[in-house]
Amino acid sequence: MSDLDVKVVEERQNPLIGRRELKVVVTHVGRGTPSKHELRQRISELYKAPLECVYVINVSTRYGQGLSTARVHVYDDPARAEEIEDEHIKRRNAPPDERGEEGGE
């Protein structure tokens, strides 16, 4: 994970829902697009938030540039995150072994 560079380019506080809505740019030169779980762990470290409070909504990669843009939600409370996030988002953010998949999204 050390070759991932994550920069927050936009941050918006949503007090009604109790979350921060982030737009991040991920530099991953020389490797494929990072998994949502890997990004989730990195954002969790960056914001010192529990992993259960961080959800990667989508990741968009620019072809051949080693650059991706991601939308991320960081909740104040894990219970609130469970209430609000859709089931498919929760499944996509689960570790690969919990999803029952070999790899990919």
PDB file of N, CA and C in Angstrom:
ATOM      1  N   MET A   1       0.807  -1.188   0.000  1.00  0.00           N
ATOM      2  CA  MET A   1       0.000   0.000   0.000  1.00  0.00           C
ATOM      3  C   MET A   1       0.854   1.257   0.000  1.00  0.00           C
ATOM      4  N   SER A   2       2.129   1.138   0.147  1.00  0.00           N
ATOM      5  CA  SER A   2       2.978   2.308   0.263  1.00  0.00           C
ATOM      6  C   SER A   2       3.099   3.080  -1.048  1.00  0.00           C
ATOM      7  N   ASP A   3       2.792   2.445  -2.193  1.00  0.00           N
ATOM      8  CA  ASP A   3       2.891   3.143  -3.459  1.00  0.00           C
ATOM      9  C   ASP A   3       1.598   3.847  -3.837  1.00  0.00           C
ATOM     10  N   LEU A   4       0.652   3.943  -2.924  1.00  0.00           N
ATOM     11  CA  LEU A   4      -0.594   4.683  -3.140  1.00  0.00           C
ATOM     12  C   LEU A   4      -0.463   6.065  -2.526  1.00  0.00           C
ATOM     13  N   ASP A   5      -0.777   7.072  -3.324  1.00  0.00           N
ATOM     14  CA  ASP A   5      -0.772   8.439  -2.816  1.00  0.00           C
ATOM     15  C   ASP A   5      -2.203   8.949  -2.884  1.00  0.00           C
ATOM     16  N   VAL A   6      -2.810   9.229  -1.741  1.00  0.00           N
ATOM     17  CA  VAL A   6      -4.200   9.676  -1.669  1.00  0.00           C
ATOM     18  C   VAL A   6      -4.229  11.144  -1.278  1.00  0.00           C
ATOM     19  N   LYS A   7      -4.892  11.952  -2.114  1.00  0.00           N
ATOM     20  CA  LYS A   7      -5.044  13.385  -1.827  1.00  0.00           C
ATOM     21  C   LYS A   7      -6.520  13.748  -1.846  1.00  0.00           C
ATOM     22  N   VAL A   8      -6.979  14.415  -0.801  1.00  0.00           N
ATOM     23  CA  VAL A   8      -8.365  14.875  -0.733  1.00  0.00           C
ATOM     24  C   VAL A   8      -8.436  16.190  -1.504  1.00  0.00           C
ATOM     25  N   VAL A   9      -9.259  16.220  -2.558  1.00  0.00           N
ATOM     26  CA  VAL A   9      -9.383  17.430  -3.366  1.00  0.00           C
ATOM     27  C   VAL A   9     -10.644  18.211  -3.033  1.00  0.00           C
ATOM     28  N   GLU A  10     -11.610  17.531  -2.431  1.00  0.00           N
ATOM     29  CA  GLU A  10     -12.849  18.204  -2.050  1.00  0.00           C
ATOM     30  C   GLU A  10     -13.416  17.519  -0.814  1.00  0.00           C
ATOM     31  N   GLU A  11     -13.813  18.314   0.170  1.00  0.00           N
ATOM     32  CA  GLU A  11     -14.409  17.772   1.388  1.00  0.00           C
ATOM     33  C   GLU A  11     -15.622  18.602   1.751  1.00  0.00           C
ATOM     34  N   ARG A  12     -16.732  17.904   1.970  1.00  0.00           N
ATOM     35  CA  ARG A  12     -17.966  18.595   2.328  1.00  0.00           C
ATOM     36  C   ARG A  12     -18.558  17.937   3.559  1.00  0.00           C
ATOM     37  N   GLN A  13     -18.902  18.727   4.547  1.00  0.00           N
ATOM     38  CA  GLN A  13     -19.532  18.223   5.769  1.00  0.00           C
ATOM     39  C   GLN A  13     -21.039  18.179   5.546  1.00  0.00           C
ATOM     40  N   ASN A  14     -21.661  17.068   5.859  1.00  0.00           N
ATOM     41  CA  ASN A  14     -23.111  16.930   5.758  1.00  0.00           C
ATOM     42  C   ASN A  14     -23.653  16.648   7.159  1.00  0.00           C
ATOM     43  N   PRO A  15     -23.972  17.712   7.922  1.00  0.00           N
ATOM     44  CA  PRO A  15     -24.382  17.527   9.317  1.00  0.00           C
ATOM     45  C   PRO A  15     -25.736  16.831   9.465  1.00  0.00           C
ATOM     46  N   LEU A  16     -26.613  16.960   8.480  1.00  0.00           N
ATOM     47  CA  LEU A  16     -27.928  16.329   8.559  1.00  0.00           C
ATOM     48  C   LEU A  16     -27.803  14.803   8.599  1.00  0.00           C
ATOM     49  N   ILE A  17     -26.902  14.278   7.791  1.00  0.00           N
ATOM     50  CA  ILE A  17     -26.690  12.834   7.739  1.00  0.00           C
ATOM     51  C   ILE A  17     -25.603  12.394   8.716  1.00  0.00           C
ATOM     52  N   GLY A  18     -24.714  13.299   9.067  1.00  0.00           N
ATOM     53  CA  GLY A  18     -23.634  12.960   9.998  1.00  0.00           C
ATOM     54  C   GLY A  18     -22.454  12.310   9.301  1.00  0.00           C
ATOM     55  N   ARG A  19     -22.049  12.896   8.195  1.00  0.00           N
ATOM     56  CA  ARG A  19     -20.914  12.343   7.472  1.00  0.00           C
ATOM     57  C   ARG A  19     -20.148  13.435   6.736  1.00  0.00           C
ATOM     58  N   ARG A  20     -18.919  13.087   6.372  1.00  0.00           N
ATOM     59  CA  ARG A  20     -18.099  13.910   5.485  1.00  0.00           C
ATOM     60  C   ARG A  20     -18.131  13.258   4.112  1.00  0.00           C
ATOM     61  N   GLU A  21     -18.312  14.037   3.079  1.00  0.00           N
ATOM     62  CA  GLU A  21     -18.333  13.531   1.717  1.00  0.00           C
ATOM     63  C   GLU A  21     -17.062  14.002   1.029  1.00  0.00           C
ATOM     64  N   LEU A  22     -16.233  13.055   0.614  1.00  0.00           N
ATOM     65  CA  LEU A  22     -14.921  13.372   0.069  1.00  0.00           C
ATOM     66  C   LEU A  22     -14.826  13.024  -1.406  1.00  0.00           C
ATOM     67  N   LYS A  23     -14.016  13.811  -2.093  1.00  0.00           N
ATOM     68  CA  LYS A  23     -13.580  13.451  -3.438  1.00  0.00           C
ATOM     69  C   LYS A  23     -12.067  13.369  -3.339  1.00  0.00           C
ATOM     70  N   VAL A  24     -11.511  12.193  -3.628  1.00  0.00           N
ATOM     71  CA  VAL A  24     -10.075  11.988  -3.490  1.00  0.00           C
ATOM     72  C   VAL A  24      -9.467  11.589  -4.825  1.00  0.00           C
ATOM     73  N   VAL A  25      -8.208  11.961  -5.006  1.00  0.00           N
ATOM     74  CA  VAL A  25      -7.437  11.546  -6.170  1.00  0.00           C
ATOM     75  C   VAL A  25      -6.370  10.590  -5.677  1.00  0.00           C
ATOM     76  N   VAL A  26      -6.312   9.412  -6.303  1.00  0.00           N
ATOM     77  CA  VAL A  26      -5.382   8.368  -5.907  1.00  0.00           C
ATOM     78  C   VAL A  26      -4.361   8.180  -7.020  1.00  0.00           C
ATOM     79  N   THR A  27      -3.091   8.311  -6.689  1.00  0.00           N
ATOM     80  CA  THR A  27      -2.013   8.073  -7.648  1.00  0.00           C
ATOM     81  C   THR A  27      -1.479   6.671  -7.402  1.00  0.00           C
ATOM     82  N   HIS A  28      -1.511   5.844  -8.454  1.00  0.00           N
ATOM     83  CA  HIS A  28      -1.069   4.446  -8.331  1.00  0.00           C
ATOM     84  C   HIS A  28      -0.267   4.049  -9.573  1.00  0.00           C
ATOM     85  N   VAL A  29       0.771   4.802  -9.833  1.00  0.00           N
ATOM     86  CA  VAL A  29       1.610   4.577 -11.011  1.00  0.00           C
ATOM     87  C   VAL A  29       2.280   3.208 -10.945  1.00  0.00           C
ATOM     88  N   GLY A  30       2.238   2.480 -12.054  1.00  0.00           N
ATOM     89  CA  GLY A  30       2.909   1.197 -12.133  1.00  0.00           C
ATOM     90  C   GLY A  30       2.108   0.028 -11.593  1.00  0.00           C
ATOM     91  N   ARG A  31       0.864   0.252 -11.230  1.00  0.00           N
ATOM     92  CA  ARG A  31       0.024  -0.843 -10.737  1.00  0.00           C
ATOM     93  C   ARG A  31      -1.425  -0.581 -11.138  1.00  0.00           C
ATOM     94  N   GLY A  32      -2.259  -1.565 -10.940  1.00  0.00           N
ATOM     95  CA  GLY A  32      -3.665  -1.447 -11.305  1.00  0.00           C
ATOM     96  C   GLY A  32      -4.435  -0.568 -10.334  1.00  0.00           C
ATOM     97  N   THR A  33      -5.710  -0.401 -10.645  1.00  0.00           N
ATOM     98  CA  THR A  33      -6.588   0.378  -9.785  1.00  0.00           C
ATOM     99  C   THR A  33      -6.687  -0.297  -8.416  1.00  0.00           C
ATOM    100  N   PRO A  34      -6.499   0.450  -7.333  1.00  0.00           N
ATOM    101  CA  PRO A  34      -6.607  -0.148  -6.002  1.00  0.00           C
ATOM    102  C   PRO A  34      -8.043  -0.586  -5.718  1.00  0.00           C
ATOM    103  N   SER A  35      -8.192  -1.618  -4.911  1.00  0.00           N
ATOM    104  CA  SER A  35      -9.534  -2.100  -4.561  1.00  0.00           C
ATOM    105  C   SER A  35     -10.217  -1.098  -3.626  1.00  0.00           C
ATOM    106  N   LYS A  36     -11.527  -1.194  -3.576  1.00  0.00           N
ATOM    107  CA  LYS A  36     -12.283  -0.311  -2.685  1.00  0.00           C
ATOM    108  C   LYS A  36     -11.902  -0.571  -1.230  1.00  0.00           C
ATOM    109  N   HIS A  37     -11.654  -1.833  -0.915  1.00  0.00           N
ATOM    110  CA  HIS A  37     -11.271  -2.158   0.465  1.00  0.00           C
ATOM    111  C   HIS A  37      -9.916  -1.532   0.814  1.00  0.00           C
ATOM    112  N   GLU A  38      -8.988  -1.549  -0.114  1.00  0.00           N
ATOM    113  CA  GLU A  38      -7.675  -0.945   0.106  1.00  0.00           C
ATOM    114  C   GLU A  38      -7.791   0.575   0.297  1.00  0.00           C
ATOM    115  N   LEU A  39      -8.616   1.215  -0.531  1.00  0.00           N
ATOM    116  CA  LEU A  39      -8.850   2.658  -0.381  1.00  0.00           C
ATOM    117  C   LEU A  39      -9.544   2.960   0.942  1.00  0.00           C
ATOM    118  N   ARG A  40     -10.478   2.110   1.293  1.00  0.00           N
ATOM    119  CA  ARG A  40     -11.200   2.279   2.555  1.00  0.00           C
ATOM    120  C   ARG A  40     -10.238   2.256   3.742  1.00  0.00           C
ATOM    121  N   GLN A  41      -9.297   1.333   3.724  1.00  0.00           N
ATOM    122  CA  GLN A  41      -8.309   1.261   4.797  1.00  0.00           C
ATOM    123  C   GLN A  41      -7.446   2.510   4.831  1.00  0.00           C
ATOM    124  N   ARG A  42      -7.027   2.993   3.664  1.00  0.00           N
ATOM    125  CA  ARG A  42      -6.162   4.176   3.605  1.00  0.00           C
ATOM    126  C   ARG A  42      -6.883   5.419   4.112  1.00  0.00           C
ATOM    127  N   ILE A  43      -8.139   5.617   3.708  1.00  0.00           N
ATOM    128  CA  ILE A  43      -8.922   6.777   4.167  1.00  0.00           C
ATOM    129  C   ILE A  43      -9.176   6.665   5.670  1.00  0.00           C
ATOM    130  N   SER A  44      -9.429   5.462   6.140  1.00  0.00           N
ATOM    131  CA  SER A  44      -9.640   5.232   7.566  1.00  0.00           C
ATOM    132  C   SER A  44      -8.419   5.675   8.368  1.00  0.00           C
ATOM    133  N   GLU A  45      -7.223   5.347   7.881  1.00  0.00           N
ATOM    134  CA  GLU A  45      -5.983   5.772   8.533  1.00  0.00           C
ATOM    135  C   GLU A  45      -5.827   7.285   8.487  1.00  0.00           C
ATOM    136  N   LEU A  46      -6.131   7.872   7.329  1.00  0.00           N
ATOM    137  CA  LEU A  46      -5.979   9.304   7.133  1.00  0.00           C
ATOM    138  C   LEU A  46      -6.857  10.114   8.081  1.00  0.00           C
ATOM    139  N   TYR A  47      -8.115   9.679   8.246  1.00  0.00           N
ATOM    140  CA  TYR A  47      -9.077  10.411   9.075  1.00  0.00           C
ATOM    141  C   TYR A  47      -9.190   9.857  10.486  1.00  0.00           C
ATOM    142  N   LYS A  48      -8.389   8.826  10.799  1.00  0.00           N
ATOM    143  CA  LYS A  48      -8.420   8.200  12.119  1.00  0.00           C
ATOM    144  C   LYS A  48      -9.855   7.824  12.506  1.00  0.00           C
ATOM    145  N   ALA A  49     -10.555   7.250  11.542  1.00  0.00           N
ATOM    146  CA  ALA A  49     -11.937   6.813  11.743  1.00  0.00           C
ATOM    147  C   ALA A  49     -11.967   5.286  11.700  1.00  0.00           C
ATOM    148  N   PRO A  50     -12.901   4.676  12.431  1.00  0.00           N
ATOM    149  CA  PRO A  50     -13.025   3.224  12.348  1.00  0.00           C
ATOM    150  C   PRO A  50     -13.377   2.796  10.920  1.00  0.00           C
ATOM    151  N   LEU A  51     -12.936   1.630  10.522  1.00  0.00           N
ATOM    152  CA  LEU A  51     -13.185   1.115   9.177  1.00  0.00           C
ATOM    153  C   LEU A  51     -14.683   1.029   8.887  1.00  0.00           C
ATOM    154  N   GLU A  52     -15.500   0.771   9.899  1.00  0.00           N
ATOM    155  CA  GLU A  52     -16.953   0.649   9.726  1.00  0.00           C
ATOM    156  C   GLU A  52     -17.616   1.978   9.381  1.00  0.00           C
ATOM    157  N   CYS A  53     -16.888   3.083   9.534  1.00  0.00           N
ATOM    158  CA  CYS A  53     -17.435   4.413   9.245  1.00  0.00           C
ATOM    159  C   CYS A  53     -17.058   4.924   7.855  1.00  0.00           C
ATOM    160  N   VAL A  54     -16.238   4.188   7.126  1.00  0.00           N
ATOM    161  CA  VAL A  54     -15.728   4.646   5.840  1.00  0.00           C
ATOM    162  C   VAL A  54     -16.278   3.771   4.723  1.00  0.00           C
ATOM    163  N   TYR A  55     -16.881   4.414   3.700  1.00  0.00           N
ATOM    164  CA  TYR A  55     -17.419   3.700   2.542  1.00  0.00           C
ATOM    165  C   TYR A  55     -16.985   4.387   1.258  1.00  0.00           C
ATOM    166  N   VAL A  56     -16.382   3.604   0.355  1.00  0.00           N
ATOM    167  CA  VAL A  56     -15.990   4.104  -0.961  1.00  0.00           C
ATOM    168  C   VAL A  56     -17.189   3.879  -1.871  1.00  0.00           C
ATOM    169  N   ILE A  57     -17.708   4.950  -2.440  1.00  0.00           N
ATOM    170  CA  ILE A  57     -18.900   4.873  -3.277  1.00  0.00           C
ATOM    171  C   ILE A  57     -18.545   4.439  -4.696  1.00  0.00           C
ATOM    172  N   ASN A  58     -17.562   5.096  -5.292  1.00  0.00           N
ATOM    173  CA  ASN A  58     -17.109   4.668  -6.617  1.00  0.00           C
ATOM    174  C   ASN A  58     -15.664   5.071  -6.842  1.00  0.00           C
ATOM    175  N   VAL A  59     -15.033   4.387  -7.797  1.00  0.00           N
ATOM    176  CA  VAL A  59     -13.654   4.669  -8.183  1.00  0.00           C
ATOM    177  C   VAL A  59     -13.636   4.741  -9.701  1.00  0.00           C
ATOM    178  N   SER A  60     -13.106   5.831 -10.222  1.00  0.00           N
ATOM    179  CA  SER A  60     -13.025   6.024 -11.666  1.00  0.00           C
ATOM    180  C   SER A  60     -11.559   6.217 -12.039  1.00  0.00           C
ATOM    181  N   THR A  61     -11.063   5.375 -12.962  1.00  0.00           N
ATOM    182  CA  THR A  61      -9.652   5.404 -13.328  1.00  0.00           C
ATOM    183  C   THR A  61      -9.478   5.994 -14.719  1.00  0.00           C
ATOM    184  N   ARG A  62      -8.502   6.878 -14.866  1.00  0.00           N
ATOM    185  CA  ARG A  62      -8.169   7.453 -16.168  1.00  0.00           C
ATOM    186  C   ARG A  62      -7.217   6.498 -16.874  1.00  0.00           C
ATOM    187  N   TYR A  63      -7.567   6.076 -18.060  1.00  0.00           N
ATOM    188  CA  TYR A  63      -6.814   5.076 -18.801  1.00  0.00           C
ATOM    189  C   TYR A  63      -5.361   5.493 -19.014  1.00  0.00           C
ATOM    190  N   GLY A  64      -4.443   4.629 -18.622  1.00  0.00           N
ATOM    191  CA  GLY A  64      -3.026   4.820 -18.874  1.00  0.00           C
ATOM    192  C   GLY A  64      -2.328   5.874 -18.036  1.00  0.00           C
ATOM    193  N   GLN A  65      -3.013   6.479 -17.079  1.00  0.00           N
ATOM    194  CA  GLN A  65      -2.395   7.561 -16.306  1.00  0.00           C
ATOM    195  C   GLN A  65      -1.985   7.161 -14.892  1.00  0.00           C
ATOM    196  N   GLY A  66      -2.464   6.052 -14.391  1.00  0.00           N
ATOM    197  CA  GLY A  66      -2.146   5.679 -13.012  1.00  0.00           C
ATOM    198  C   GLY A  66      -2.772   6.650 -12.033  1.00  0.00           C
ATOM    199  N   LEU A  67      -3.945   7.161 -12.400  1.00  0.00           N
ATOM    200  CA  LEU A  67      -4.636   8.177 -11.611  1.00  0.00           C
ATOM    201  C   LEU A  67      -6.107   7.790 -11.513  1.00  0.00           C
ATOM    202  N   SER A  68      -6.654   7.781 -10.310  1.00  0.00           N
ATOM    203  CA  SER A  68      -8.070   7.461 -10.107  1.00  0.00           C
ATOM    204  C   SER A  68      -8.711   8.532  -9.254  1.00  0.00           C
ATOM    205  N   THR A  69     -10.012   8.717  -9.452  1.00  0.00           N
ATOM    206  CA  THR A  69     -10.808   9.618  -8.635  1.00  0.00           C
ATOM    207  C   THR A  69     -11.834   8.764  -7.909  1.00  0.00           C
ATOM    208  N   ALA A  70     -12.028   9.028  -6.627  1.00  0.00           N
ATOM    209  CA  ALA A  70     -12.976   8.244  -5.844  1.00  0.00           C
ATOM    210  C   ALA A  70     -13.860   9.166  -5.012  1.00  0.00           C
ATOM    211  N   ARG A  71     -15.111   8.742  -4.826  1.00  0.00           N
ATOM    212  CA  ARG A  71     -16.021   9.414  -3.901  1.00  0.00           C
ATOM    213  C   ARG A  71     -16.115   8.548  -2.657  1.00  0.00           C
ATOM    214  N   VAL A  72     -15.952   9.180  -1.490  1.00  0.00           N
ATOM    215  CA  VAL A  72     -15.908   8.445  -0.221  1.00  0.00           C
ATOM    216  C   VAL A  72     -16.793   9.139   0.800  1.00  0.00           C
ATOM    217  N   HIS A  73     -17.503   8.351   1.604  1.00  0.00           N
ATOM    218  CA  HIS A  73     -18.282   8.874   2.722  1.00  0.00           C
ATOM    219  C   HIS A  73     -17.615   8.433   4.024  1.00  0.00           C
ATOM    220  N   VAL A  74     -17.372   9.374   4.931  1.00  0.00           N
ATOM    221  CA  VAL A  74     -16.822   9.076   6.253  1.00  0.00           C
ATOM    222  C   VAL A  74     -17.866   9.497   7.280  1.00  0.00           C
ATOM    223  N   TYR A  75     -18.446   8.510   7.954  1.00  0.00           N
ATOM    224  CA  TYR A  75     -19.527   8.763   8.910  1.00  0.00           C
ATOM    225  C   TYR A  75     -18.983   9.025  10.304  1.00  0.00           C
ATOM    226  N   ASP A  76     -19.759   9.785  11.085  1.00  0.00           N
ATOM    227  CA  ASP A  76     -19.410  10.057  12.482  1.00  0.00           C
ATOM    228  C   ASP A  76     -19.693   8.838  13.358  1.00  0.00           C
ATOM    229  N   ASP A  77     -20.696   8.040  12.960  1.00  0.00           N
ATOM    230  CA  ASP A  77     -21.155   6.913  13.771  1.00  0.00           C
ATOM    231  C   ASP A  77     -21.390   5.689  12.881  1.00  0.00           C
ATOM    232  N   PRO A  78     -20.814   4.523  13.219  1.00  0.00           N
ATOM    233  CA  PRO A  78     -21.004   3.330  12.390  1.00  0.00           C
ATOM    234  C   PRO A  78     -22.470   2.892  12.269  1.00  0.00           C
ATOM    235  N   ALA A  79     -23.267   3.115  13.308  1.00  0.00           N
ATOM    236  CA  ALA A  79     -24.684   2.741  13.252  1.00  0.00           C
ATOM    237  C   ALA A  79     -25.417   3.578  12.204  1.00  0.00           C
ATOM    238  N   ARG A  80     -25.045   4.834  12.121  1.00  0.00           N
ATOM    239  CA  ARG A  80     -25.654   5.734  11.119  1.00  0.00           C
ATOM    240  C   ARG A  80     -25.252   5.292   9.711  1.00  0.00           C
ATOM    241  N   ALA A  81     -24.030   4.859   9.549  1.00  0.00           N
ATOM    242  CA  ALA A  81     -23.561   4.372   8.254  1.00  0.00           C
ATOM    243  C   ALA A  81     -24.350   3.139   7.830  1.00  0.00           C
ATOM    244  N   GLU A  82     -24.584   2.224   8.762  1.00  0.00           N
ATOM    245  CA  GLU A  82     -25.361   1.015   8.472  1.00  0.00           C
ATOM    246  C   GLU A  82     -26.781   1.361   8.045  1.00  0.00           C
ATOM    247  N   GLU A  83     -27.344   2.392   8.670  1.00  0.00           N
ATOM    248  CA  GLU A  83     -28.696   2.835   8.347  1.00  0.00           C
ATOM    249  C   GLU A  83     -28.793   3.412   6.939  1.00  0.00           C
ATOM    250  N   ILE A  84     -27.818   4.216   6.571  1.00  0.00           N
ATOM    251  CA  ILE A  84     -27.931   5.027   5.361  1.00  0.00           C
ATOM    252  C   ILE A  84     -27.383   4.364   4.109  1.00  0.00           C
ATOM    253  N   GLU A  85     -26.231   3.745   4.189  1.00  0.00           N
ATOM    254  CA  GLU A  85     -25.618   3.185   2.977  1.00  0.00           C
ATOM    255  C   GLU A  85     -26.416   2.003   2.447  1.00  0.00           C
ATOM    256  N   ASP A  86     -26.526   1.938   1.119  1.00  0.00           N
ATOM    257  CA  ASP A  86     -27.243   0.850   0.454  1.00  0.00           C
ATOM    258  C   ASP A  86     -26.490  -0.466   0.630  1.00  0.00           C
ATOM    259  N   GLU A  87     -27.237  -1.560   0.524  1.00  0.00           N
ATOM    260  CA  GLU A  87     -26.649  -2.889   0.697  1.00  0.00           C
ATOM    261  C   GLU A  87     -25.552  -3.177  -0.329  1.00  0.00           C
ATOM    262  N   HIS A  88     -25.758  -2.757  -1.578  1.00  0.00           N
ATOM    263  CA  HIS A  88     -24.737  -3.050  -2.597  1.00  0.00           C
ATOM    264  C   HIS A  88     -23.441  -2.296  -2.325  1.00  0.00           C
ATOM    265  N   ILE A  89     -23.515  -1.111  -1.726  1.00  0.00           N
ATOM    266  CA  ILE A  89     -22.313  -0.355  -1.356  1.00  0.00           C
ATOM    267  C   ILE A  89     -21.594  -1.085  -0.218  1.00  0.00           C
ATOM    268  N   LYS A  90     -22.350  -1.582   0.747  1.00  0.00           N
ATOM    269  CA  LYS A  90     -21.755  -2.321   1.866  1.00  0.00           C
ATOM    270  C   LYS A  90     -21.046  -3.577   1.364  1.00  0.00           C
ATOM    271  N   ARG A  91     -21.686  -4.312   0.436  1.00  0.00           N
ATOM    272  CA  ARG A  91     -21.071  -5.524  -0.121  1.00  0.00           C
ATOM    273  C   ARG A  91     -19.802  -5.188  -0.891  1.00  0.00           C
ATOM    274  N   ARG A  92     -19.817  -4.127  -1.667  1.00  0.00           N
ATOM    275  CA  ARG A  92     -18.648  -3.750  -2.467  1.00  0.00           C
ATOM    276  C   ARG A  92     -17.475  -3.305  -1.599  1.00  0.00           C
ATOM    277  N   ASN A  93     -17.761  -2.821  -0.404  1.00  0.00           N
ATOM    278  CA  ASN A  93     -16.702  -2.350   0.493  1.00  0.00           C
ATOM    279  C   ASN A  93     -16.206  -3.428   1.443  1.00  0.00           C
ATOM    280  N   ALA A  94     -16.810  -4.592   1.405  1.00  0.00           N
ATOM    281  CA  ALA A  94     -16.387  -5.691   2.278  1.00  0.00           C
ATOM    282  C   ALA A  94     -15.053  -6.248   1.790  1.00  0.00           C
ATOM    283  N   PRO A  95     -14.259  -6.813   2.691  1.00  0.00           N
ATOM    284  CA  PRO A  95     -13.018  -7.458   2.260  1.00  0.00           C
ATOM    285  C   PRO A  95     -13.323  -8.586   1.281  1.00  0.00           C
ATOM    286  N   PRO A  96     -12.422  -8.856   0.335  1.00  0.00           N
ATOM    287  CA  PRO A  96     -12.681  -9.895  -0.677  1.00  0.00           C
ATOM    288  C   PRO A  96     -13.049 -11.257  -0.108  1.00  0.00           C
ATOM    289  N   ASP A  97     -12.460 -11.647   1.021  1.00  0.00           N
ATOM    290  CA  ASP A  97     -12.780 -12.952   1.600  1.00  0.00           C
ATOM    291  C   ASP A  97     -14.207 -12.997   2.153  1.00  0.00           C
ATOM    292  N   GLU A  98     -14.756 -11.871   2.582  1.00  0.00           N
ATOM    293  CA  GLU A  98     -16.132 -11.826   3.083  1.00  0.00           C
ATOM    294  C   GLU A  98     -17.145 -11.794   1.955  1.00  0.00           C
ATOM    295  N   ARG A  99     -16.732 -11.281   0.786  1.00  0.00           N
ATOM    296  CA  ARG A  99     -17.637 -11.216  -0.362  1.00  0.00           C
ATOM    297  C   ARG A  99     -17.739 -12.565  -1.046  1.00  0.00           C
ATOM    298  N   GLY A 100     -16.759 -13.425  -0.814  1.00  0.00           N
ATOM    299  CA  GLY A 100     -16.762 -14.737  -1.440  1.00  0.00           C
ATOM    300  C   GLY A 100     -16.274 -14.694  -2.872  1.00  0.00           C
ATOM    301  N   GLU A 101     -15.459 -13.680  -3.200  1.00  0.00           N
ATOM    302  CA  GLU A 101     -14.924 -13.537  -4.554  1.00  0.00           C
ATOM    303  C   GLU A 101     -13.417 -13.731  -4.529  1.00  0.00           C
ATOM    304  N   GLU A 102     -12.877 -14.103  -5.659  1.00  0.00           N
ATOM    305  CA  GLU A 102     -11.433 -14.230  -5.799  1.00  0.00           C
ATOM    306  C   GLU A 102     -10.765 -12.863  -5.869  1.00  0.00           C
ATOM    307  N   GLY A 103     -11.391 -11.933  -6.570  1.00  0.00           N
ATOM    308  CA  GLY A 103     -10.827 -10.588  -6.741  1.00  0.00           C
ATOM    309  C   GLY A 103     -11.767  -9.755  -7.562  1.00  0.00           C
ATOM    310  N   GLY A 104     -11.352  -8.525  -7.867  1.00  0.00           N
ATOM    311  CA  GLY A 104     -12.189  -7.620  -8.646  1.00  0.00           C
ATOM    312  C   GLY A 104     -13.264  -6.995  -7.810  1.00  0.00           C
ATOM    313  N   GLU A 105     -14.069  -6.192  -8.464  1.00  0.00           N
ATOM    314  CA  GLU A 105     -15.145  -5.494  -7.754  1.00  0.00           C
ATOM    315  C   GLU A 105     -16.473  -6.127  -8.034  1.00  0.00           C
TER     316      GLU A 105
END
